[in-house]
N, C-alpha and C. Protein backbone atom coordinates (compact mmCIF):
# COMPACT_ATOMS: atom_id res chain seq x y z
N MET A 1 -7.10 15.78 4.64
CA MET A 1 -7.94 16.94 4.44
C MET A 1 -7.71 17.94 5.57
N ASN A 2 -8.06 19.17 5.32
CA ASN A 2 -7.83 20.19 6.32
C ASN A 2 -8.93 20.19 7.38
N GLN A 3 -8.93 21.18 8.26
CA GLN A 3 -9.79 21.18 9.42
C GLN A 3 -11.26 21.41 9.10
N LYS A 4 -11.59 22.00 7.97
CA LYS A 4 -12.99 22.21 7.63
C LYS A 4 -13.68 20.85 7.46
N GLY A 5 -14.99 20.84 7.51
CA GLY A 5 -15.72 19.59 7.35
C GLY A 5 -15.47 18.98 5.99
N THR A 6 -15.46 17.68 5.95
CA THR A 6 -15.24 17.00 4.68
C THR A 6 -16.50 16.25 4.29
N THR A 7 -16.75 16.20 3.01
CA THR A 7 -17.91 15.49 2.50
C THR A 7 -17.58 14.00 2.38
N PRO A 8 -18.59 13.16 2.28
CA PRO A 8 -18.31 11.74 2.06
C PRO A 8 -17.48 11.50 0.80
N ASP A 9 -17.69 12.32 -0.23
CA ASP A 9 -16.90 12.20 -1.46
C ASP A 9 -15.42 12.42 -1.18
N GLU A 10 -15.12 13.48 -0.42
CA GLU A 10 -13.73 13.79 -0.10
C GLU A 10 -13.12 12.71 0.79
N GLN A 11 -13.89 12.20 1.73
CA GLN A 11 -13.40 11.14 2.60
C GLN A 11 -13.08 9.89 1.78
N LEU A 12 -13.95 9.56 0.84
CA LEU A 12 -13.74 8.39 -0.01
C LEU A 12 -12.50 8.56 -0.88
N MET A 13 -12.34 9.74 -1.46
CA MET A 13 -11.17 10.01 -2.29
C MET A 13 -9.89 9.91 -1.47
N SER A 14 -9.90 10.47 -0.27
CA SER A 14 -8.72 10.42 0.59
C SER A 14 -8.37 8.99 0.96
N LYS A 15 -9.38 8.18 1.23
CA LYS A 15 -9.13 6.79 1.61
C LYS A 15 -8.62 6.00 0.41
N PHE A 16 -9.17 6.24 -0.79
CA PHE A 16 -8.63 5.61 -2.00
C PHE A 16 -7.14 5.93 -2.13
N TYR A 17 -6.80 7.20 -1.96
CA TYR A 17 -5.41 7.63 -2.09
C TYR A 17 -4.53 6.99 -1.01
N GLN A 18 -5.03 6.99 0.22
CA GLN A 18 -4.26 6.42 1.33
C GLN A 18 -3.96 4.94 1.09
N ILE A 19 -4.98 4.19 0.71
CA ILE A 19 -4.81 2.75 0.46
C ILE A 19 -3.84 2.52 -0.70
N ALA A 20 -4.02 3.29 -1.76
CA ALA A 20 -3.16 3.13 -2.93
C ALA A 20 -1.71 3.46 -2.59
N MET A 21 -1.48 4.52 -1.83
CA MET A 21 -0.11 4.93 -1.51
C MET A 21 0.55 3.96 -0.53
N GLU A 22 -0.24 3.31 0.31
CA GLU A 22 0.34 2.30 1.20
C GLU A 22 0.93 1.15 0.40
N SER A 23 0.38 0.90 -0.79
CA SER A 23 0.91 -0.15 -1.66
C SER A 23 2.08 0.37 -2.51
N GLY A 24 2.22 1.69 -2.57
CA GLY A 24 3.29 2.28 -3.36
C GLY A 24 2.88 2.69 -4.77
N ASP A 25 1.64 2.42 -5.16
CA ASP A 25 1.17 2.74 -6.50
C ASP A 25 -0.10 3.59 -6.41
N PRO A 26 -0.05 4.89 -6.75
CA PRO A 26 -1.23 5.74 -6.61
C PRO A 26 -2.38 5.34 -7.55
N TYR A 27 -2.09 4.52 -8.55
CA TYR A 27 -3.13 4.10 -9.50
C TYR A 27 -3.54 2.64 -9.30
N LEU A 28 -3.34 2.13 -8.09
CA LEU A 28 -3.69 0.76 -7.76
C LEU A 28 -5.20 0.55 -7.86
N PRO A 29 -5.67 -0.46 -8.61
CA PRO A 29 -7.10 -0.77 -8.65
C PRO A 29 -7.57 -1.26 -7.28
N ILE A 30 -8.66 -0.68 -6.78
CA ILE A 30 -9.17 -0.98 -5.44
C ILE A 30 -10.67 -1.22 -5.51
N ASP A 31 -11.14 -2.18 -4.73
CA ASP A 31 -12.57 -2.47 -4.62
C ASP A 31 -13.23 -1.36 -3.79
N TYR A 32 -14.21 -0.68 -4.36
CA TYR A 32 -14.83 0.46 -3.69
C TYR A 32 -15.58 0.05 -2.42
N ARG A 33 -16.04 -1.20 -2.32
CA ARG A 33 -16.83 -1.62 -1.17
C ARG A 33 -16.01 -1.57 0.11
N GLY A 34 -14.75 -1.98 0.04
CA GLY A 34 -13.88 -1.92 1.21
C GLY A 34 -13.55 -0.50 1.61
N VAL A 35 -13.36 0.36 0.61
CA VAL A 35 -13.05 1.76 0.88
C VAL A 35 -14.25 2.44 1.52
N GLY A 36 -15.43 2.18 0.97
CA GLY A 36 -16.65 2.76 1.54
C GLY A 36 -16.86 2.33 2.98
N LYS A 37 -16.64 1.06 3.23
CA LYS A 37 -16.79 0.53 4.59
C LYS A 37 -15.79 1.20 5.54
N ALA A 38 -14.58 1.44 5.05
CA ALA A 38 -13.53 2.05 5.87
C ALA A 38 -13.87 3.48 6.29
N VAL A 39 -14.66 4.18 5.48
CA VAL A 39 -15.04 5.55 5.84
C VAL A 39 -16.46 5.62 6.40
N GLY A 40 -17.08 4.47 6.62
CA GLY A 40 -18.38 4.43 7.27
C GLY A 40 -19.58 4.62 6.36
N LEU A 41 -19.43 4.28 5.08
CA LEU A 41 -20.54 4.41 4.14
C LEU A 41 -21.17 3.05 3.88
N LYS A 42 -22.47 3.06 3.65
CA LYS A 42 -23.14 1.83 3.22
C LYS A 42 -22.75 1.56 1.78
N GLU A 43 -22.86 0.31 1.36
CA GLU A 43 -22.42 -0.07 0.02
C GLU A 43 -23.14 0.72 -1.07
N THR A 44 -24.44 0.93 -0.91
CA THR A 44 -25.20 1.67 -1.92
C THR A 44 -24.71 3.12 -2.04
N ALA A 45 -24.45 3.75 -0.90
CA ALA A 45 -23.95 5.13 -0.92
C ALA A 45 -22.58 5.19 -1.58
N ALA A 46 -21.71 4.25 -1.23
CA ALA A 46 -20.37 4.22 -1.83
C ALA A 46 -20.46 4.00 -3.33
N LYS A 47 -21.37 3.11 -3.76
CA LYS A 47 -21.53 2.83 -5.19
C LYS A 47 -21.95 4.09 -5.94
N ASN A 48 -22.89 4.84 -5.38
CA ASN A 48 -23.35 6.07 -6.02
C ASN A 48 -22.24 7.12 -6.08
N ILE A 49 -21.50 7.24 -5.01
CA ILE A 49 -20.42 8.23 -4.98
C ILE A 49 -19.34 7.89 -5.99
N VAL A 50 -18.89 6.63 -6.05
CA VAL A 50 -17.83 6.29 -7.01
C VAL A 50 -18.32 6.43 -8.44
N LYS A 51 -19.60 6.18 -8.67
CA LYS A 51 -20.15 6.37 -10.02
C LYS A 51 -20.02 7.84 -10.43
N HIS A 52 -20.36 8.74 -9.53
CA HIS A 52 -20.27 10.17 -9.84
C HIS A 52 -18.82 10.64 -9.90
N LEU A 53 -17.96 10.09 -9.06
CA LEU A 53 -16.54 10.46 -9.13
C LEU A 53 -15.92 9.98 -10.43
N ALA A 54 -16.37 8.85 -10.94
CA ALA A 54 -15.88 8.36 -12.24
C ALA A 54 -16.37 9.27 -13.37
N GLN A 55 -17.61 9.73 -13.28
CA GLN A 55 -18.13 10.64 -14.30
C GLN A 55 -17.37 11.97 -14.30
N ALA A 56 -16.88 12.36 -13.12
CA ALA A 56 -16.14 13.62 -12.99
C ALA A 56 -14.64 13.44 -13.24
N ASN A 57 -14.23 12.24 -13.64
CA ASN A 57 -12.83 11.93 -13.98
C ASN A 57 -11.89 11.95 -12.77
N PHE A 58 -12.41 11.65 -11.57
CA PHE A 58 -11.56 11.50 -10.40
C PHE A 58 -11.16 10.03 -10.23
N LEU A 59 -12.03 9.13 -10.66
CA LEU A 59 -11.77 7.70 -10.60
C LEU A 59 -12.01 7.11 -11.98
N ARG A 60 -11.36 5.98 -12.25
CA ARG A 60 -11.59 5.26 -13.49
C ARG A 60 -12.07 3.86 -13.14
N LYS A 61 -13.12 3.44 -13.82
CA LYS A 61 -13.73 2.14 -13.56
C LYS A 61 -12.94 1.04 -14.27
N ILE A 62 -12.59 -0.01 -13.52
CA ILE A 62 -11.90 -1.16 -14.08
C ILE A 62 -12.93 -2.26 -14.39
N ASP A 63 -13.75 -2.57 -13.39
CA ASP A 63 -14.88 -3.48 -13.58
C ASP A 63 -16.00 -3.03 -12.64
N GLU A 64 -16.98 -3.87 -12.39
CA GLU A 64 -18.15 -3.46 -11.62
C GLU A 64 -17.82 -2.97 -10.22
N THR A 65 -16.80 -3.51 -9.58
CA THR A 65 -16.50 -3.11 -8.20
C THR A 65 -15.11 -2.51 -8.02
N THR A 66 -14.32 -2.48 -9.06
CA THR A 66 -12.93 -2.03 -8.93
C THR A 66 -12.71 -0.71 -9.68
N PHE A 67 -12.10 0.22 -8.98
CA PHE A 67 -11.81 1.54 -9.53
C PHE A 67 -10.38 1.91 -9.17
N HIS A 68 -9.81 2.87 -9.90
CA HIS A 68 -8.53 3.42 -9.49
C HIS A 68 -8.56 4.93 -9.69
N LEU A 69 -7.71 5.61 -8.93
CA LEU A 69 -7.61 7.06 -9.04
C LEU A 69 -7.02 7.45 -10.39
N THR A 70 -7.46 8.56 -10.91
CA THR A 70 -6.86 9.14 -12.12
C THR A 70 -5.84 10.20 -11.67
N PRO A 71 -5.01 10.69 -12.55
CA PRO A 71 -4.11 11.78 -12.17
C PRO A 71 -4.88 12.99 -11.62
N HIS A 72 -6.04 13.25 -12.21
CA HIS A 72 -6.90 14.35 -11.74
C HIS A 72 -7.35 14.10 -10.30
N GLY A 73 -7.71 12.85 -9.98
CA GLY A 73 -8.12 12.49 -8.63
C GLY A 73 -6.98 12.61 -7.63
N CYS A 74 -5.78 12.18 -8.04
CA CYS A 74 -4.61 12.29 -7.16
C CYS A 74 -4.31 13.76 -6.87
N ASN A 75 -4.37 14.59 -7.89
CA ASN A 75 -4.12 16.03 -7.70
C ASN A 75 -5.14 16.65 -6.76
N PHE A 76 -6.39 16.24 -6.89
CA PHE A 76 -7.44 16.76 -6.02
C PHE A 76 -7.12 16.45 -4.55
N VAL A 77 -6.77 15.19 -4.28
CA VAL A 77 -6.47 14.79 -2.90
C VAL A 77 -5.26 15.55 -2.38
N LEU A 78 -4.21 15.63 -3.18
CA LEU A 78 -3.00 16.33 -2.73
C LEU A 78 -3.22 17.81 -2.49
N ASN A 79 -4.04 18.45 -3.31
CA ASN A 79 -4.31 19.88 -3.16
C ASN A 79 -5.24 20.19 -2.00
N ASN A 80 -5.96 19.20 -1.51
CA ASN A 80 -6.91 19.44 -0.42
C ASN A 80 -6.45 18.88 0.92
N ARG A 81 -5.20 18.45 0.97
CA ARG A 81 -4.62 17.98 2.24
C ARG A 81 -4.16 19.20 3.05
N ALA A 82 -4.19 19.03 4.36
CA ALA A 82 -3.75 20.13 5.23
C ALA A 82 -2.24 20.24 5.25
């Protein structure tokens, strides 16, 4: 993300992307609890954020705790990087 302040939503999206790209697959299913913890969010806050990001088509739900980025989510992260 660029130098302006980032929201917890943006931080979570960036971390999802970072973790997925470290594996080599931008659509890697990832447990949201670990991602939330990595950006300093409590589990409840992370759960609410990923629920809303899924409704906005940035993430896709695999099961209760596993989500993956959508192409729309990947584009969002790439367009908002510095």
